[in-house]
Protein backbone atom coordinates (compact mmCIF):
# COMPACT_ATOMS: atom_id res chain seq x y z
CA MET A 1 -62.68 58.19 64.40
CA LYS A 2 -65.12 59.15 61.59
CA THR A 3 -62.64 61.55 60.17
CA ARG A 4 -59.76 59.04 60.20
CA LEU A 5 -62.01 56.48 58.38
CA SER A 6 -63.16 58.99 55.82
CA ALA A 7 -59.55 59.97 55.17
CA TRP A 8 -58.49 56.30 54.79
CA LEU A 9 -61.33 55.60 52.39
CA LEU A 10 -60.44 58.73 50.37
CA LEU A 11 -56.86 57.58 50.17
CA VAL A 12 -58.00 54.06 48.98
CA TRP A 13 -60.18 55.51 46.38
CA VAL A 14 -57.42 57.89 44.97
CA VAL A 15 -54.97 54.93 44.78
CA CYS A 16 -57.45 52.71 42.97
CA ALA A 17 -58.60 55.38 40.66
CA GLY A 18 -54.99 56.16 39.64
CA ALA A 19 -54.01 52.49 39.25
CA ALA A 20 -53.02 51.19 35.93
CA PRO A 21 -55.65 48.99 34.15
CA PRO A 22 -54.77 45.35 34.17
CA PRO A 23 -52.75 44.17 31.28
CA PRO A 24 -54.56 42.53 28.33
CA ARG A 25 -55.05 38.81 28.26
CA PHE A 26 -53.21 37.02 25.39
CA ALA A 27 -54.89 33.89 24.44
CA LEU A 28 -53.58 31.15 22.15
CA ALA A 29 -56.31 29.26 20.21
CA LEU A 30 -55.20 25.88 18.99
CA GLY A 31 -57.46 24.35 16.28
CA GLY A 32 -58.31 20.86 15.29
CA GLY A 33 -56.95 18.90 12.48
CA ALA A 34 -56.00 15.46 13.70
CA ALA A 35 -52.24 14.59 13.10
CA LEU A 36 -51.78 18.00 11.44
CA GLY A 37 -52.03 19.29 15.04
CA TYR A 38 -48.33 18.42 15.34
CA ALA A 39 -47.85 21.93 13.91
CA HIS A 40 -48.96 23.38 17.29
CA LEU A 41 -45.73 21.90 18.80
CA GLY A 42 -43.62 24.17 16.43
CA VAL A 43 -45.61 27.23 17.04
CA LEU A 44 -45.43 26.62 20.93
CA GLU A 45 -41.57 26.12 20.62
CA VAL A 46 -41.17 29.46 18.77
CA LEU A 47 -43.25 31.31 21.28
CA GLU A 48 -41.32 29.90 24.15
CA GLU A 49 -37.90 30.80 22.57
CA GLU A 50 -39.16 34.29 22.21
CA GLY A 51 -40.42 34.63 25.67
CA LEU A 52 -44.08 35.15 24.45
CA ARG A 53 -45.98 32.56 26.70
CA PRO A 54 -49.64 33.23 26.42
CA ASP A 55 -51.93 33.86 29.52
CA LEU A 56 -54.51 31.26 28.26
CA VAL A 57 -54.62 28.42 25.94
CA LEU A 58 -57.80 27.05 24.33
CA GLY A 59 -57.97 23.80 22.44
CA THR A 60 -60.13 22.04 20.13
CA SER A 61 -59.61 18.39 19.25
CA ILE A 62 -55.93 17.76 18.75
CA GLY A 63 -55.43 21.29 19.87
CA SER A 64 -56.67 20.11 23.37
CA ILE A 65 -54.40 17.16 23.29
CA MET A 66 -51.24 19.26 22.47
CA GLY A 67 -52.42 22.20 24.42
CA GLY A 68 -53.27 19.97 27.44
CA LEU A 69 -49.84 18.26 27.51
CA TYR A 70 -48.19 21.70 27.32
CA CYS A 71 -50.35 23.51 29.83
CA ALA A 72 -49.74 20.47 32.31
CA GLY A 73 -45.93 21.10 32.08
CA LEU A 74 -44.30 19.26 29.18
CA SER A 75 -42.28 21.03 26.76
CA PRO A 76 -43.12 20.88 23.04
CA ALA A 77 -39.85 18.74 22.49
CA GLU A 78 -41.06 16.16 25.20
CA ILE A 79 -44.43 15.89 23.47
CA ALA A 80 -43.03 15.32 20.07
CA ASN A 81 -40.67 12.64 21.49
CA ARG A 82 -43.64 10.81 23.05
CA ALA A 83 -45.57 11.05 19.84
CA GLU A 84 -43.08 9.41 17.62
CA GLY A 85 -44.21 6.09 16.14
CA MET A 86 -47.88 6.87 16.92
CA ASN A 87 -50.60 5.54 14.71
CA LEU A 88 -54.31 5.41 14.69
CA TRP A 89 -54.60 1.84 15.80
CA ARG A 90 -52.16 2.43 18.54
CA ILE A 91 -54.22 5.29 19.80
CA GLY A 92 -57.66 3.48 20.14
CA ASP A 93 -59.02 0.05 21.06
CA LEU A 94 -61.47 -1.44 18.66
CA GLN A 95 -64.99 -2.20 20.07
CA TRP A 96 -68.05 -3.91 18.60
CA ALA A 97 -70.59 -2.10 20.65
CA GLY A 98 -71.29 1.28 22.13
CA LEU A 99 -71.45 4.65 20.43
CA GLY A 100 -67.99 4.59 18.64
CA LEU A 101 -65.80 2.01 16.76
CA LEU A 102 -62.78 2.89 19.26
CA GLU A 103 -62.69 3.44 22.84
CA TRP A 104 -60.08 5.63 24.71
CA ASN A 105 -58.73 3.29 27.39
CA LYS A 106 -55.36 2.81 25.55
CA VAL A 107 -54.99 6.52 25.21
CA ARG A 108 -55.64 6.98 28.90
CA ARG A 109 -52.99 4.48 29.85
CA GLN A 110 -50.50 6.22 27.44
CA LEU A 111 -51.23 9.94 28.57
CA ALA A 112 -52.22 9.63 32.23
CA PRO A 113 -48.56 9.06 33.37
CA LEU A 114 -47.45 12.21 31.44
CA LEU A 115 -49.65 14.63 33.04
CA LEU A 116 -48.11 16.47 36.01
CA VAL A 117 -51.55 17.66 37.13
CA GLN A 118 -54.76 15.84 37.23
CA ARG A 119 -57.29 18.55 36.85
CA LEU A 120 -57.96 21.55 34.45
CA GLU A 121 -57.86 24.09 37.14
CA ASP A 122 -54.58 23.12 38.43
CA CYS A 123 -52.58 23.51 35.10
CA PRO A 124 -49.64 25.82 35.54
CA LEU A 125 -50.76 27.61 32.30
CA PRO A 126 -54.56 28.18 32.25
CA LEU A 127 -56.40 25.87 29.69
CA ILE A 128 -59.84 25.60 28.36
CA CYS A 129 -60.77 22.44 26.27
CA VAL A 130 -63.68 23.11 23.88
CA ALA A 131 -66.12 20.21 23.15
CA THR A 132 -69.66 19.65 21.75
CA ASP A 133 -72.81 18.36 23.60
CA LEU A 134 -73.90 15.55 21.39
CA ALA A 135 -77.44 15.72 22.56
CA SER A 136 -77.99 19.48 22.16
CA GLY A 137 -75.21 20.44 19.82
CA GLU A 138 -74.16 23.13 22.25
CA ARG A 139 -70.52 24.35 22.38
CA VAL A 140 -69.14 23.48 25.73
CA MET A 141 -65.96 25.25 27.41
CA LEU A 142 -64.38 22.99 29.92
CA ARG A 143 -62.45 24.92 32.55
CA ARG A 144 -62.62 22.65 35.59
CA GLY A 145 -62.65 18.94 36.16
CA PRO A 146 -60.51 16.07 35.18
CA LEU A 147 -57.93 17.22 32.65
CA LEU A 148 -57.45 13.96 30.68
CA GLU A 149 -61.17 13.46 30.18
CA ALA A 150 -61.49 17.17 29.15
CA MET A 151 -58.77 16.61 26.47
CA LEU A 152 -60.27 13.46 25.15
CA ALA A 153 -63.90 14.84 25.05
CA SER A 154 -62.57 17.75 22.86
CA ALA A 155 -60.96 15.09 20.59
CA THR A 156 -63.75 12.52 20.26
CA VAL A 157 -64.49 12.26 16.42
CA PRO A 158 -68.22 11.27 16.45
CA GLY A 159 -68.77 7.81 15.28
CA LEU A 160 -65.08 6.79 15.51
CA PHE A 161 -64.45 7.26 19.16
CA GLU A 162 -66.62 6.58 22.16
CA PRO A 163 -68.24 9.77 23.39
CA ILE A 164 -66.93 11.09 27.02
CA VAL A 165 -69.64 11.19 29.66
CA TRP A 166 -69.03 14.49 31.48
CA GLU A 167 -71.64 15.42 34.29
CA GLY A 168 -74.26 13.46 32.56
CA ARG A 169 -73.74 14.79 29.15
CA LEU A 170 -72.23 13.03 26.14
CA LEU A 171 -69.39 15.17 24.74
CA VAL A 172 -67.65 14.91 21.44
CA ASP A 173 -65.13 16.76 19.16
CA GLY A 174 -65.17 20.60 19.75
CA GLY A 175 -64.40 20.96 16.03
CA LEU A 176 -68.14 20.69 15.37
CA THR A 177 -68.84 24.05 17.04
CA ASP A 178 -65.59 25.84 17.29
CA GLU A 179 -62.98 24.32 15.09
CA VAL A 180 -60.41 26.99 15.87
CA PRO A 181 -61.52 28.16 19.28
CA VAL A 182 -61.49 31.96 18.77
CA LEU A 183 -65.05 32.47 19.87
CA SER A 184 -64.45 30.52 22.94
CA ALA A 185 -61.30 32.71 23.56
CA ARG A 186 -63.32 35.91 23.24
CA GLU A 187 -65.95 34.51 25.72
CA ALA A 188 -63.21 33.68 28.24
CA GLY A 189 -62.19 37.46 28.14
CA ALA A 190 -59.20 37.42 26.11
CA ALA A 191 -58.31 40.78 24.71
CA ILE A 192 -55.66 39.44 22.27
CA VAL A 193 -56.54 36.19 20.41
CA VAL A 194 -53.83 34.53 18.24
CA ALA A 195 -55.25 31.46 16.45
CA VAL A 196 -53.39 28.50 14.93
CA ASP A 197 -55.24 26.89 12.16
CA VAL A 198 -54.29 23.31 11.19
CA SER A 199 -57.57 22.27 9.31
CA HIS A 200 -56.90 19.96 6.44
CA PRO A 201 -56.56 21.52 3.04
CA LEU A 202 -59.42 20.52 0.54
CA LEU A 203 -58.64 17.50 -1.66
CA GLU A 204 -58.24 18.55 -5.33
CA ARG A 205 -57.63 15.66 -7.86
CA GLU A 206 -57.32 12.90 -5.14
CA ILE A 207 -61.02 12.35 -4.94
CA LYS A 208 -61.23 8.67 -6.26
CA GLY A 209 -63.81 6.87 -4.13
CA PRO A 210 -66.49 7.09 -1.47
CA VAL A 211 -63.86 7.38 1.43
CA ASP A 212 -62.43 10.41 -0.26
CA VAL A 213 -65.96 12.01 -0.74
CA LEU A 214 -66.55 11.45 2.90
CA ARG A 215 -63.24 12.98 3.80
CA GLN A 216 -63.80 16.00 1.53
CA SER A 217 -67.33 16.63 2.93
CA TYR A 218 -65.72 16.78 6.40
CA PHE A 219 -62.87 19.00 5.13
CA ILE A 220 -65.52 21.39 3.56
CA ILE A 221 -67.52 21.68 6.81
CA GLN A 222 -64.29 22.27 8.63
CA LYS A 223 -63.28 24.99 6.28
CA GLN A 224 -66.59 26.83 6.57
CA ASN A 225 -66.34 26.68 10.42
CA VAL A 226 -62.82 28.07 10.32
CA GLU A 227 -63.70 30.98 7.89
CA GLN A 228 -66.53 31.99 10.31
CA ARG A 229 -63.99 32.20 13.20
CA ARG A 230 -61.06 33.91 11.47
CA ALA A 231 -62.42 37.29 11.46
CA LEU A 232 -62.67 37.16 15.45
CA ALA A 233 -58.98 36.60 15.70
CA ASP A 234 -56.27 39.31 15.89
CA LEU A 235 -53.86 37.06 14.08
CA VAL A 236 -54.18 33.66 12.49
CA ILE A 237 -51.11 31.46 12.03
CA ARG A 238 -51.61 28.90 9.23
CA PRO A 239 -48.86 26.45 8.57
CA ASP A 240 -48.27 25.12 5.23
CA LEU A 241 -49.69 21.62 5.48
CA THR A 242 -49.10 20.68 1.83
CA GLY A 243 -48.34 16.93 1.47
CA LEU A 244 -49.32 16.25 5.17
CA ASP A 245 -52.36 14.09 5.96
CA PHE A 246 -54.68 14.29 8.97
CA HIS A 247 -54.35 10.66 9.75
CA ALA A 248 -50.37 10.39 9.51
CA PHE A 249 -49.87 10.22 13.28
CA ASP A 250 -46.39 8.89 12.65
CA ASP A 251 -45.13 12.13 10.95
CA VAL A 252 -44.42 14.28 13.97
CA GLN A 253 -41.52 16.04 12.74
CA ALA A 254 -42.95 17.36 9.39
CA GLY A 255 -45.93 18.89 11.28
CA ARG A 256 -43.73 20.22 13.84
CA GLN A 257 -41.35 21.96 11.31
CA ALA A 258 -44.45 23.35 9.44
CA GLY A 259 -45.60 24.95 12.58
CA ARG A 260 -42.10 26.46 13.37
CA GLU A 261 -41.85 27.96 9.92
CA ALA A 262 -45.43 29.47 10.09
CA ALA A 263 -44.67 30.94 13.60
CA LEU A 264 -41.38 32.52 12.50
CA ARG A 265 -43.22 34.08 9.57
CA ALA A 266 -45.75 35.57 11.78
CA LEU A 267 -43.39 36.62 14.52
CA PRO A 268 -42.87 40.16 13.39
CA GLN A 269 -46.57 40.76 13.13
CA LEU A 270 -47.13 38.96 16.51
CA LYS A 271 -44.62 41.05 18.34
CA GLY A 272 -45.98 44.31 16.79
CA LEU A 273 -49.54 43.30 17.91
CA LEU A 274 -48.61 42.57 21.42
CA ARG A 275 -46.49 45.63 21.74
CA GLU A 276 -49.33 47.81 20.43
CA ARG A 277 -51.82 46.40 22.79
CA GLY A 278 -49.48 46.87 25.80
CA TRP A 279 -49.01 43.21 26.56
CA GLN A 280 -46.10 42.27 28.70
CA ALA A 281 -44.92 38.71 29.35
CA ARG A 282 -45.60 37.45 32.76
CA ARG A 283 -42.42 36.18 34.77
């Protein structure tokens, strides 16, 4: 009996030792940029057309909204159609008390019927939403729990929208700590990280008043955050966002087209990267 058991264990060891290592995980990190995030849809379309579906999607801010809808089962075209005619005041309800000027109930009513799954862990394509703990400043990677609330937490612009309460914590925009969630992708174990940067270009001659000063200050902070993360990515796809504005939520197609064009330009490099690393599409 002992001899048989020893032989069986030896066989198992030989098989395991000779087994091929698991294929590398390919993560797509979708960054924040408000309405400029429609460019994510164009990138996702091109990847789908080429059969390059990632193993994991991470989203920050609008990246979590676009990524969440996609990972829950909607196609990029379906998301684009639903977003047509959107604007900031159709997204949020004005409130006169609380921790934000707008609250999320209108968005909840619009997005909830679209989600084919209700929880992060049930998404057909794995998703991580990146948010920030308002009290501690800690970066928070949401992997399990209510999908819609995770998407909203990641996109909660501080002061504009009411923070999301998540397990006793107040969560706001992940862009404060990981504007393009490359660091989070590495911590999640991704061996190949492709980032999509849709951060707003800096204003040049358009600074004409205090609102522009505030906008430019935010864009500078955003730019610094992105530059710190770029070096951690294997490839950064940067759409040409010239002429687009971060609050133009009604301009879906321009952003979508910018994303398509950027993805097509990056496609040879992306395919070479995936081939070099031994990545194979899952069927």
